[in-house]
Amino acid sequence: MTPIQEAKLKLISNIKELSYLHSPDDLFTLASGRTSPHFFDMKPVMMNPECAHLLGIMIHDTIRNFTKVDAIGGLELGAVPLTGIAIAKAEKDSKLKGFIIRKEPKGRGGRKTGNPPGIEGASLNKNDHIILLEDVTTTGGSALKAAKRLQEVGCIVVGCITILDRQEGGIKAFKDAQIPLIPLVVRSDITGEE
């Protein structure tokens, strides 16, 4: 078994223990507005030292499949800790930059970075190749809005890495937008049901 396969199995086990709730009789309302018997809260996973280590390894293994990546980040709140994990696991001499996109821009913008209001962290430049990060993907709507925002400022979104794809249309929505969605795990890895 490869180290990445081992990392995935450990991550699945931790997600089951730390973030997954199942309630077939009292459905959860998701951020997308849909209801589901399955709920995933990835904050406890991202804040767990072992899981953060596993996520960093898996994210960087995925990044290696891209020809060029200048920056990595995504929409608050889920992508904030994930971006920190990815940047912390970068090689010491890496040029990889991290950023976050606010759901509602504050008026002050990136005074030091030159980024437009709502995009914070490292300076992003026109033609930077970006990988978005997301904690949980359902329909892909939120991350695709972030992708559009980045494209409006001239960045090239080359992919989106999500910790978990709920298998409810996100992959198709990203494919339609011509952006690959790469889940580290999928709902069926956790629930055992397709």
N, C-alpha and C. Protein backbone atom coordinates (compact mmCIF):
# COMPACT_ATOMS: atom_id res chain seq x y z
N MET A 1 0.84 -1.18 0.00
CA MET A 1 0.00 0.00 0.00
C MET A 1 0.90 1.25 0.00
N THR A 2 0.55 2.22 -0.84
CA THR A 2 1.35 3.44 -0.91
C THR A 2 1.07 4.35 0.28
N PRO A 3 1.99 5.26 0.57
CA PRO A 3 1.73 6.22 1.67
C PRO A 3 0.45 7.03 1.44
N ILE A 4 0.13 7.34 0.19
CA ILE A 4 -1.10 8.11 -0.09
C ILE A 4 -2.33 7.26 0.20
N GLN A 5 -2.30 5.99 -0.17
CA GLN A 5 -3.43 5.10 0.14
C GLN A 5 -3.60 4.95 1.65
N GLU A 6 -2.48 4.84 2.35
CA GLU A 6 -2.55 4.76 3.82
C GLU A 6 -3.12 6.04 4.41
N ALA A 7 -2.67 7.19 3.89
CA ALA A 7 -3.17 8.48 4.37
C ALA A 7 -4.67 8.57 4.14
N LYS A 8 -5.14 8.12 2.98
CA LYS A 8 -6.57 8.17 2.67
C LYS A 8 -7.37 7.31 3.64
N LEU A 9 -6.90 6.11 3.91
CA LEU A 9 -7.61 5.23 4.84
C LEU A 9 -7.67 5.82 6.25
N LYS A 10 -6.57 6.41 6.70
CA LYS A 10 -6.56 7.06 8.01
C LYS A 10 -7.50 8.25 8.03
N LEU A 11 -7.50 9.03 6.94
CA LEU A 11 -8.38 10.20 6.87
C LEU A 11 -9.84 9.76 6.91
N ILE A 12 -10.19 8.72 6.17
CA ILE A 12 -11.57 8.20 6.17
C ILE A 12 -11.98 7.81 7.59
N SER A 13 -11.11 7.11 8.28
CA SER A 13 -11.40 6.69 9.66
C SER A 13 -11.63 7.90 10.56
N ASN A 14 -10.78 8.90 10.42
CA ASN A 14 -10.93 10.11 11.24
C ASN A 14 -12.18 10.90 10.89
N ILE A 15 -12.53 10.97 9.62
CA ILE A 15 -13.75 11.68 9.23
C ILE A 15 -14.97 10.99 9.85
N LYS A 16 -14.99 9.66 9.80
CA LYS A 16 -16.09 8.91 10.42
C LYS A 16 -16.22 9.24 11.90
N GLU A 17 -15.08 9.31 12.56
CA GLU A 17 -15.08 9.54 14.01
C GLU A 17 -15.34 11.00 14.38
N LEU A 18 -14.75 11.94 13.65
CA LEU A 18 -14.77 13.35 14.06
C LEU A 18 -15.82 14.23 13.39
N SER A 19 -16.29 13.85 12.19
CA SER A 19 -17.10 14.83 11.48
C SER A 19 -18.43 14.34 10.93
N TYR A 20 -18.66 13.05 10.91
CA TYR A 20 -19.84 12.52 10.23
C TYR A 20 -20.99 12.26 11.19
N LEU A 21 -22.17 12.76 10.79
CA LEU A 21 -23.41 12.48 11.50
C LEU A 21 -24.41 11.88 10.51
N HIS A 22 -25.20 10.92 10.96
CA HIS A 22 -26.21 10.30 10.11
C HIS A 22 -27.54 10.35 10.84
N SER A 23 -28.56 10.90 10.18
CA SER A 23 -29.87 11.02 10.80
C SER A 23 -30.96 10.86 9.73
N PRO A 24 -31.32 9.63 9.41
CA PRO A 24 -32.31 9.40 8.34
C PRO A 24 -33.71 9.92 8.67
N ASP A 25 -34.03 10.08 9.95
CA ASP A 25 -35.38 10.52 10.34
C ASP A 25 -35.49 12.02 10.57
N ASP A 26 -34.38 12.70 10.78
CA ASP A 26 -34.36 14.14 11.02
C ASP A 26 -33.28 14.74 10.12
N LEU A 27 -33.66 15.09 8.89
CA LEU A 27 -32.70 15.50 7.87
C LEU A 27 -32.01 16.81 8.21
N PHE A 28 -30.77 16.93 7.74
CA PHE A 28 -29.98 18.14 7.91
C PHE A 28 -30.21 19.05 6.70
N THR A 29 -30.28 20.36 6.94
CA THR A 29 -30.34 21.33 5.85
C THR A 29 -28.91 21.81 5.59
N LEU A 30 -28.46 21.63 4.36
CA LEU A 30 -27.09 21.95 3.98
C LEU A 30 -26.98 23.39 3.50
N ALA A 31 -25.75 23.87 3.34
CA ALA A 31 -25.50 25.22 2.85
C ALA A 31 -26.11 25.43 1.47
N SER A 32 -26.19 24.36 0.68
CA SER A 32 -26.77 24.44 -0.67
C SER A 32 -28.29 24.60 -0.62
N GLY A 33 -28.89 24.40 0.56
CA GLY A 33 -30.34 24.44 0.69
C GLY A 33 -30.97 23.06 0.61
N ARG A 34 -30.22 22.09 0.15
CA ARG A 34 -30.72 20.72 0.07
C ARG A 34 -30.81 20.12 1.48
N THR A 35 -31.60 19.06 1.59
CA THR A 35 -31.64 18.31 2.85
C THR A 35 -31.01 16.95 2.62
N SER A 36 -30.45 16.39 3.69
CA SER A 36 -29.75 15.11 3.57
C SER A 36 -29.71 14.41 4.92
N PRO A 37 -29.70 13.08 4.90
CA PRO A 37 -29.49 12.35 6.15
C PRO A 37 -28.02 12.32 6.58
N HIS A 38 -27.13 12.80 5.69
CA HIS A 38 -25.70 12.78 5.96
C HIS A 38 -25.20 14.20 6.21
N PHE A 39 -24.44 14.38 7.27
CA PHE A 39 -23.86 15.69 7.58
C PHE A 39 -22.37 15.52 7.86
N PHE A 40 -21.57 16.40 7.28
CA PHE A 40 -20.12 16.38 7.47
C PHE A 40 -19.67 17.76 7.92
N ASP A 41 -19.06 17.83 9.10
CA ASP A 41 -18.46 19.07 9.60
C ASP A 41 -16.96 18.84 9.61
N MET A 42 -16.26 19.41 8.64
CA MET A 42 -14.83 19.15 8.50
C MET A 42 -13.94 19.99 9.42
N LYS A 43 -14.53 20.93 10.17
CA LYS A 43 -13.69 21.74 11.07
C LYS A 43 -12.94 20.87 12.08
N PRO A 44 -13.60 19.91 12.76
CA PRO A 44 -12.85 19.07 13.70
C PRO A 44 -11.75 18.26 13.02
N VAL A 45 -11.95 17.90 11.76
CA VAL A 45 -10.93 17.16 11.02
C VAL A 45 -9.74 18.08 10.73
N MET A 46 -10.03 19.28 10.22
CA MET A 46 -8.95 20.21 9.87
C MET A 46 -8.18 20.68 11.09
N MET A 47 -8.82 20.69 12.26
CA MET A 47 -8.17 21.16 13.49
C MET A 47 -7.51 20.04 14.28
N ASN A 48 -7.54 18.83 13.75
CA ASN A 48 -6.91 17.68 14.40
C ASN A 48 -5.50 17.53 13.84
N PRO A 49 -4.46 17.45 14.69
CA PRO A 49 -3.09 17.39 14.19
C PRO A 49 -2.82 16.25 13.21
N GLU A 50 -3.28 15.04 13.52
CA GLU A 50 -3.04 13.92 12.61
C GLU A 50 -3.72 14.17 11.27
N CYS A 51 -4.97 14.62 11.30
CA CYS A 51 -5.71 14.87 10.07
C CYS A 51 -5.08 16.00 9.26
N ALA A 52 -4.65 17.06 9.94
CA ALA A 52 -4.00 18.17 9.24
C ALA A 52 -2.76 17.66 8.51
N HIS A 53 -2.00 16.81 9.16
CA HIS A 53 -0.82 16.22 8.53
C HIS A 53 -1.22 15.41 7.29
N LEU A 54 -2.24 14.55 7.44
CA LEU A 54 -2.71 13.73 6.32
C LEU A 54 -3.21 14.59 5.18
N LEU A 55 -3.99 15.63 5.50
CA LEU A 55 -4.51 16.53 4.47
C LEU A 55 -3.37 17.22 3.71
N GLY A 56 -2.38 17.68 4.45
CA GLY A 56 -1.24 18.34 3.81
C GLY A 56 -0.54 17.41 2.83
N ILE A 57 -0.31 16.17 3.24
CA ILE A 57 0.33 15.19 2.37
C ILE A 57 -0.51 14.95 1.12
N MET A 58 -1.82 14.76 1.30
CA MET A 58 -2.69 14.44 0.17
C MET A 58 -2.87 15.64 -0.77
N ILE A 59 -2.96 16.83 -0.22
CA ILE A 59 -3.08 18.02 -1.07
C ILE A 59 -1.83 18.19 -1.92
N HIS A 60 -0.66 18.07 -1.31
CA HIS A 60 0.58 18.26 -2.07
C HIS A 60 0.80 17.14 -3.08
N ASP A 61 0.36 15.93 -2.77
CA ASP A 61 0.43 14.86 -3.75
C ASP A 61 -0.44 15.19 -4.96
N THR A 62 -1.61 15.77 -4.72
CA THR A 62 -2.51 16.16 -5.80
C THR A 62 -1.94 17.32 -6.62
N ILE A 63 -1.37 18.29 -5.95
CA ILE A 63 -0.79 19.46 -6.64
C ILE A 63 0.29 19.02 -7.63
N ARG A 64 1.04 17.98 -7.30
CA ARG A 64 2.11 17.50 -8.18
C ARG A 64 1.60 17.09 -9.56
N ASN A 65 0.30 16.79 -9.67
CA ASN A 65 -0.27 16.38 -10.95
C ASN A 65 -0.52 17.55 -11.90
N PHE A 66 -0.35 18.76 -11.41
CA PHE A 66 -0.58 19.94 -12.24
C PHE A 66 0.76 20.48 -12.75
N THR A 67 0.75 20.97 -13.97
CA THR A 67 1.96 21.52 -14.58
C THR A 67 2.45 22.75 -13.84
N LYS A 68 1.51 23.61 -13.46
CA LYS A 68 1.88 24.86 -12.81
C LYS A 68 0.81 25.24 -11.79
N VAL A 69 1.24 25.57 -10.57
CA VAL A 69 0.34 26.09 -9.54
C VAL A 69 1.08 27.21 -8.83
N ASP A 70 0.50 28.42 -8.89
CA ASP A 70 1.11 29.58 -8.24
C ASP A 70 0.52 29.85 -6.86
N ALA A 71 -0.78 29.55 -6.71
CA ALA A 71 -1.45 29.89 -5.45
C ALA A 71 -2.55 28.88 -5.16
N ILE A 72 -2.85 28.78 -3.87
CA ILE A 72 -3.85 27.84 -3.40
C ILE A 72 -4.67 28.52 -2.32
N GLY A 73 -5.99 28.31 -2.35
CA GLY A 73 -6.85 28.93 -1.35
C GLY A 73 -8.30 28.78 -1.74
N GLY A 74 -9.16 29.48 -1.03
CA GLY A 74 -10.57 29.38 -1.34
C GLY A 74 -11.42 30.23 -0.45
N LEU A 75 -12.69 29.90 -0.45
CA LEU A 75 -13.72 30.68 0.21
C LEU A 75 -13.72 30.44 1.71
N GLU A 76 -13.89 31.55 2.46
CA GLU A 76 -14.05 31.40 3.91
C GLU A 76 -15.33 30.63 4.17
N LEU A 77 -15.46 29.92 5.12
CA LEU A 77 -14.66 29.61 6.27
C LEU A 77 -13.89 28.32 6.06
N GLY A 78 -14.46 27.40 5.32
CA GLY A 78 -13.86 26.08 5.19
C GLY A 78 -12.46 26.05 4.62
N ALA A 79 -12.18 26.93 3.65
CA ALA A 79 -10.87 26.90 3.00
C ALA A 79 -9.78 27.58 3.83
N VAL A 80 -10.16 28.35 4.84
CA VAL A 80 -9.14 29.08 5.61
C VAL A 80 -8.18 28.12 6.32
N PRO A 81 -8.66 27.20 7.16
CA PRO A 81 -7.70 26.28 7.79
C PRO A 81 -7.02 25.37 6.77
N LEU A 82 -7.75 24.98 5.73
CA LEU A 82 -7.19 24.11 4.71
C LEU A 82 -6.04 24.79 3.97
N THR A 83 -6.18 26.08 3.70
CA THR A 83 -5.10 26.84 3.06
C THR A 83 -3.89 26.90 3.98
N GLY A 84 -4.11 27.15 5.26
CA GLY A 84 -3.01 27.17 6.22
C GLY A 84 -2.29 25.83 6.27
N ILE A 85 -3.05 24.73 6.25
CA ILE A 85 -2.46 23.39 6.25
C ILE A 85 -1.60 23.20 5.01
N ALA A 86 -2.14 23.58 3.85
CA ALA A 86 -1.41 23.38 2.59
C ALA A 86 -0.14 24.21 2.54
N ILE A 87 -0.20 25.44 2.99
CA ILE A 87 0.98 26.31 2.96
C ILE A 87 2.01 25.80 3.97
N ALA A 88 1.56 25.37 5.14
CA ALA A 88 2.49 24.87 6.16
C ALA A 88 3.22 23.61 5.70
N LYS A 89 2.57 22.81 4.84
CA LYS A 89 3.18 21.57 4.35
C LYS A 89 4.00 21.79 3.08
N ALA A 90 4.04 23.01 2.56
CA ALA A 90 4.84 23.28 1.36
C ALA A 90 6.32 23.18 1.70
N GLU A 91 7.11 22.88 0.69
CA GLU A 91 8.56 22.84 0.88
C GLU A 91 9.06 24.21 1.33
N LYS A 92 10.14 24.24 2.09
CA LYS A 92 10.67 25.47 2.66
C LYS A 92 10.94 26.54 1.59
N ASP A 93 11.43 26.13 0.42
CA ASP A 93 11.74 27.10 -0.64
C ASP A 93 10.64 27.22 -1.69
N SER A 94 9.45 26.73 -1.36
CA SER A 94 8.31 26.78 -2.29
C SER A 94 7.90 28.23 -2.58
N LYS A 95 7.42 28.44 -3.77
CA LYS A 95 6.88 29.76 -4.17
C LYS A 95 5.35 29.76 -4.09
N LEU A 96 4.77 28.66 -3.61
CA LEU A 96 3.32 28.54 -3.51
C LEU A 96 2.77 29.61 -2.57
N LYS A 97 1.75 30.34 -3.04
CA LYS A 97 1.13 31.40 -2.24
C LYS A 97 -0.24 30.92 -1.74
N GLY A 98 -0.66 31.49 -0.63
CA GLY A 98 -1.97 31.18 -0.08
C GLY A 98 -2.85 32.42 -0.07
N PHE A 99 -4.16 32.20 -0.23
CA PHE A 99 -5.11 33.31 -0.21
C PHE A 99 -6.46 32.81 0.30
N ILE A 100 -7.31 33.75 0.68
CA ILE A 100 -8.70 33.43 1.02
C ILE A 100 -9.60 34.43 0.31
N ILE A 101 -10.82 33.99 0.06
CA ILE A 101 -11.83 34.86 -0.53
C ILE A 101 -12.94 35.01 0.49
N ARG A 102 -13.22 36.25 0.84
CA ARG A 102 -14.33 36.51 1.77
C ARG A 102 -15.65 36.35 1.04
N LYS A 103 -16.64 35.83 1.77
CA LYS A 103 -17.99 35.73 1.18
C LYS A 103 -18.56 37.12 0.92
N GLU A 104 -18.28 38.03 1.83
CA GLU A 104 -18.70 39.43 1.67
C GLU A 104 -17.45 40.29 1.80
N PRO A 105 -17.01 40.93 0.70
CA PRO A 105 -15.79 41.75 0.78
C PRO A 105 -15.91 42.88 1.79
N LYS A 106 -14.83 43.12 2.51
CA LYS A 106 -14.74 44.29 3.37
C LYS A 106 -14.29 45.44 2.48
N GLY A 107 -14.57 46.65 2.86
CA GLY A 107 -14.27 47.79 2.00
C GLY A 107 -12.81 48.10 1.79
N ARG A 108 -11.95 47.62 2.67
CA ARG A 108 -10.57 48.07 2.60
C ARG A 108 -9.71 47.33 1.57
N GLY A 109 -10.07 46.12 1.16
CA GLY A 109 -9.31 45.41 0.14
C GLY A 109 -7.90 45.06 0.57
N GLY A 110 -7.07 44.74 -0.41
CA GLY A 110 -5.70 44.34 -0.13
C GLY A 110 -4.76 45.52 -0.24
N ARG A 111 -4.74 46.35 0.76
CA ARG A 111 -3.91 47.56 0.73
C ARG A 111 -2.45 47.25 0.41
N LYS A 112 -1.92 46.26 1.04
CA LYS A 112 -0.52 45.91 0.85
C LYS A 112 -0.32 44.98 -0.34
N THR A 113 -1.29 44.09 -0.58
CA THR A 113 -1.13 43.06 -1.60
C THR A 113 -1.54 43.50 -2.99
N GLY A 114 -2.39 44.52 -3.08
CA GLY A 114 -2.90 44.92 -4.39
C GLY A 114 -4.09 44.09 -4.85
N ASN A 115 -4.53 43.14 -4.02
CA ASN A 115 -5.69 42.34 -4.38
C ASN A 115 -6.95 43.19 -4.28
N PRO A 116 -7.96 42.87 -5.08
CA PRO A 116 -9.23 43.58 -4.95
C PRO A 116 -9.91 43.24 -3.63
N PRO A 117 -10.87 44.07 -3.19
CA PRO A 117 -11.59 43.77 -1.95
C PRO A 117 -12.17 42.36 -1.97
N GLY A 118 -12.00 41.67 -0.87
CA GLY A 118 -12.55 40.32 -0.73
C GLY A 118 -11.55 39.21 -0.97
N ILE A 119 -10.41 39.52 -1.59
CA ILE A 119 -9.37 38.52 -1.79
C ILE A 119 -8.18 38.92 -0.92
N GLU A 120 -7.86 38.08 0.05
CA GLU A 120 -6.84 38.43 1.04
C GLU A 120 -5.78 37.35 1.12
N GLY A 121 -4.65 37.71 1.70
CA GLY A 121 -3.53 36.80 1.81
C GLY A 121 -2.42 37.28 0.90
N ALA A 122 -1.77 36.37 0.20
CA ALA A 122 -0.68 36.73 -0.71
C ALA A 122 -1.22 37.47 -1.93
N SER A 123 -0.36 38.25 -2.54
CA SER A 123 -0.73 38.97 -3.78
C SER A 123 -0.97 37.97 -4.90
N LEU A 124 -2.11 38.13 -5.56
CA LEU A 124 -2.40 37.32 -6.74
C LEU A 124 -2.17 38.19 -7.97
N ASN A 125 -1.61 37.59 -9.00
CA ASN A 125 -1.31 38.31 -10.22
C ASN A 125 -2.10 37.75 -11.39
N LYS A 126 -2.32 38.57 -12.38
CA LYS A 126 -2.97 38.13 -13.60
C LYS A 126 -2.18 36.94 -14.15
N ASN A 127 -2.90 35.93 -14.59
CA ASN A 127 -2.35 34.69 -15.15
C ASN A 127 -1.76 33.74 -14.11
N ASP A 128 -1.90 34.04 -12.81
CA ASP A 128 -1.53 33.06 -11.79
C ASP A 128 -2.40 31.82 -11.96
N HIS A 129 -1.80 30.66 -11.85
CA HIS A 129 -2.52 29.40 -11.91
C HIS A 129 -2.94 29.03 -10.48
N ILE A 130 -4.23 28.87 -10.30
CA ILE A 130 -4.83 28.74 -8.97
C ILE A 130 -5.46 27.37 -8.80
N ILE A 131 -5.28 26.79 -7.61
CA ILE A 131 -6.08 25.64 -7.19
C ILE A 131 -6.93 26.10 -6.02
N LEU A 132 -8.23 25.92 -6.17
CA LEU A 132 -9.16 26.22 -5.09
C LEU A 132 -9.16 25.07 -4.09
N LEU A 133 -9.46 25.39 -2.85
CA LEU A 133 -9.62 24.39 -1.80
C LEU A 133 -11.02 24.52 -1.24
N GLU A 134 -11.59 23.38 -0.87
CA GLU A 134 -12.93 23.37 -0.27
C GLU A 134 -12.98 22.23 0.73
N ASP A 135 -13.74 22.43 1.81
CA ASP A 135 -13.83 21.36 2.80
C ASP A 135 -14.83 20.29 2.38
N VAL A 136 -16.04 20.70 2.00
CA VAL A 136 -17.08 19.76 1.57
C VAL A 136 -17.74 20.32 0.32
N THR A 137 -17.92 19.47 -0.68
CA THR A 137 -18.57 19.88 -1.92
C THR A 137 -19.89 19.14 -2.06
N THR A 138 -20.96 19.91 -2.27
CA THR A 138 -22.27 19.32 -2.56
C THR A 138 -22.58 19.58 -4.03
N THR A 139 -23.03 20.80 -4.34
CA THR A 139 -23.33 21.15 -5.73
C THR A 139 -22.18 21.87 -6.40
N GLY A 140 -21.22 22.36 -5.61
CA GLY A 140 -20.10 23.11 -6.15
C GLY A 140 -20.37 24.59 -6.30
N GLY A 141 -21.58 25.03 -5.95
CA GLY A 141 -21.97 26.42 -6.17
C GLY A 141 -21.06 27.45 -5.53
N SER A 142 -20.71 27.28 -4.27
CA SER A 142 -19.88 28.26 -3.57
C SER A 142 -18.49 28.35 -4.17
N ALA A 143 -17.86 27.20 -4.39
CA ALA A 143 -16.50 27.21 -4.94
C ALA A 143 -16.49 27.74 -6.36
N LEU A 144 -17.53 27.47 -7.12
CA LEU A 144 -17.57 27.98 -8.50
C LEU A 144 -17.75 29.50 -8.52
N LYS A 145 -18.44 30.05 -7.51
CA LYS A 145 -18.52 31.52 -7.39
C LYS A 145 -17.13 32.08 -7.10
N ALA A 146 -16.38 31.40 -6.24
CA ALA A 146 -15.01 31.82 -5.94
C ALA A 146 -14.15 31.74 -7.19
N ALA A 147 -14.32 30.68 -7.99
CA ALA A 147 -13.57 30.53 -9.24
C ALA A 147 -13.87 31.69 -10.18
N LYS A 148 -15.13 32.05 -10.28
CA LYS A 148 -15.51 33.16 -11.16
C LYS A 148 -14.87 34.47 -10.70
N ARG A 149 -14.87 34.68 -9.40
CA ARG A 149 -14.25 35.90 -8.83
C ARG A 149 -12.76 35.96 -9.20
N LEU A 150 -12.07 34.85 -9.10
CA LEU A 150 -10.65 34.79 -9.45
C LEU A 150 -10.43 35.00 -10.95
N GLN A 151 -11.30 34.41 -11.75
CA GLN A 151 -11.19 34.58 -13.19
C GLN A 151 -11.43 36.04 -13.60
N GLU A 152 -12.30 36.72 -12.88
CA GLU A 152 -12.57 38.14 -13.17
C GLU A 152 -11.34 39.01 -12.97
N VAL A 153 -10.43 38.59 -12.07
CA VAL A 153 -9.21 39.38 -11.85
C VAL A 153 -8.03 38.83 -12.66
N GLY A 154 -8.32 37.91 -13.58
CA GLY A 154 -7.30 37.44 -14.50
C GLY A 154 -6.55 36.19 -14.12
N CYS A 155 -6.96 35.53 -13.04
CA CYS A 155 -6.31 34.28 -12.64
C CYS A 155 -6.87 33.11 -13.45
N ILE A 156 -6.09 32.06 -13.52
CA ILE A 156 -6.49 30.85 -14.24
C ILE A 156 -6.72 29.76 -13.20
N VAL A 157 -7.97 29.36 -13.02
CA VAL A 157 -8.31 28.32 -12.04
C VAL A 157 -8.12 26.97 -12.71
N VAL A 158 -7.11 26.23 -12.25
CA VAL A 158 -6.76 24.96 -12.89
C VAL A 158 -7.40 23.75 -12.23
N GLY A 159 -7.96 23.93 -11.03
CA GLY A 159 -8.60 22.81 -10.35
C GLY A 159 -9.11 23.21 -8.99
N CYS A 160 -9.87 22.30 -8.40
CA CYS A 160 -10.38 22.48 -7.04
C CYS A 160 -10.19 21.16 -6.30
N ILE A 161 -9.50 21.24 -5.17
CA ILE A 161 -9.33 20.08 -4.30
C ILE A 161 -10.31 20.23 -3.15
N THR A 162 -11.12 19.21 -2.94
CA THR A 162 -12.06 19.20 -1.83
C THR A 162 -11.73 18.02 -0.92
N ILE A 163 -11.89 18.22 0.38
CA ILE A 163 -11.68 17.10 1.29
C ILE A 163 -12.69 16.01 0.96
N LEU A 164 -13.98 16.40 0.83
CA LEU A 164 -15.03 15.42 0.63
C LEU A 164 -16.03 15.89 -0.41
N ASP A 165 -16.27 15.05 -1.40
CA ASP A 165 -17.35 15.28 -2.36
C ASP A 165 -18.55 14.46 -1.91
N ARG A 166 -19.68 15.14 -1.70
CA ARG A 166 -20.89 14.46 -1.24
C ARG A 166 -21.55 13.63 -2.34
N GLN A 167 -21.02 13.69 -3.55
CA GLN A 167 -21.54 12.95 -4.70
C GLN A 167 -22.98 13.37 -5.02
N GLU A 168 -23.19 14.69 -5.01
CA GLU A 168 -24.52 15.23 -5.28
C GLU A 168 -24.48 16.28 -6.40
N GLY A 169 -23.59 16.11 -7.36
CA GLY A 169 -23.58 17.00 -8.52
C GLY A 169 -22.38 17.91 -8.64
N GLY A 170 -21.54 17.96 -7.64
CA GLY A 170 -20.38 18.85 -7.68
C GLY A 170 -19.42 18.55 -8.82
N ILE A 171 -19.13 17.27 -9.04
CA ILE A 171 -18.18 16.90 -10.10
C ILE A 171 -18.71 17.36 -11.45
N LYS A 172 -20.00 17.17 -11.71
CA LYS A 172 -20.58 17.59 -12.99
C LYS A 172 -20.55 19.10 -13.13
N ALA A 173 -20.90 19.82 -12.07
CA ALA A 173 -20.90 21.28 -12.13
C ALA A 173 -19.51 21.82 -12.44
N PHE A 174 -18.48 21.23 -11.83
CA PHE A 174 -17.11 21.65 -12.12
C PHE A 174 -16.71 21.27 -13.54
N LYS A 175 -17.12 20.08 -13.97
CA LYS A 175 -16.80 19.66 -15.34
C LYS A 175 -17.43 20.62 -16.34
N ASP A 176 -18.68 21.01 -16.08
CA ASP A 176 -19.36 21.98 -16.96
C ASP A 176 -18.62 23.31 -16.99
N ALA A 177 -17.97 23.67 -15.88
CA ALA A 177 -17.20 24.91 -15.81
C ALA A 177 -15.77 24.73 -16.32
N GLN A 178 -15.46 23.52 -16.76
CA GLN A 178 -14.13 23.17 -17.28
C GLN A 178 -13.02 23.34 -16.23
N ILE A 179 -13.38 22.99 -15.00
CA ILE A 179 -12.42 23.00 -13.89
C ILE A 179 -12.52 21.62 -13.23
N PRO A 180 -11.41 20.88 -13.17
CA PRO A 180 -11.50 19.57 -12.52
C PRO A 180 -11.69 19.70 -11.01
N LEU A 181 -12.61 18.89 -10.48
CA LEU A 181 -12.80 18.77 -9.04
C LEU A 181 -12.13 17.48 -8.60
N ILE A 182 -11.21 17.60 -7.66
CA ILE A 182 -10.47 16.44 -7.17
C ILE A 182 -10.80 16.22 -5.70
N PRO A 183 -11.68 15.25 -5.41
CA PRO A 183 -11.97 14.95 -4.00
C PRO A 183 -10.92 14.05 -3.40
N LEU A 184 -10.52 14.35 -2.15
CA LEU A 184 -9.61 13.45 -1.44
C LEU A 184 -10.35 12.20 -1.00
N VAL A 185 -11.63 12.36 -0.62
CA VAL A 185 -12.51 11.24 -0.32
C VAL A 185 -13.91 11.60 -0.83
N VAL A 186 -14.75 10.60 -0.98
CA VAL A 186 -16.13 10.82 -1.39
C VAL A 186 -17.06 10.25 -0.33
N ARG A 187 -18.31 10.69 -0.38
CA ARG A 187 -19.28 10.26 0.64
C ARG A 187 -19.34 8.75 0.78
N SER A 188 -19.33 8.02 -0.34
CA SER A 188 -19.44 6.57 -0.25
C SER A 188 -18.25 5.93 0.46
N ASP A 189 -17.10 6.61 0.48
CA ASP A 189 -15.97 6.10 1.28
C ASP A 189 -16.32 6.08 2.76
N ILE A 190 -17.17 7.01 3.18
CA ILE A 190 -17.53 7.16 4.59
C ILE A 190 -18.75 6.31 4.93
N THR A 191 -19.79 6.39 4.07
CA THR A 191 -21.07 5.77 4.38
C THR A 191 -21.16 4.32 3.90
N GLY A 192 -20.33 3.95 2.91
CA GLY A 192 -20.41 2.61 2.36
C GLY A 192 -21.54 2.42 1.38
N GLU A 193 -22.31 3.47 1.13
CA GLU A 193 -23.41 3.37 0.17
C GLU A 193 -23.12 4.27 -1.04
N GLU A 194 -23.51 3.82 -2.21
CA GLU A 194 -23.27 4.59 -3.44
C GLU A 194 -24.23 5.70 -3.59
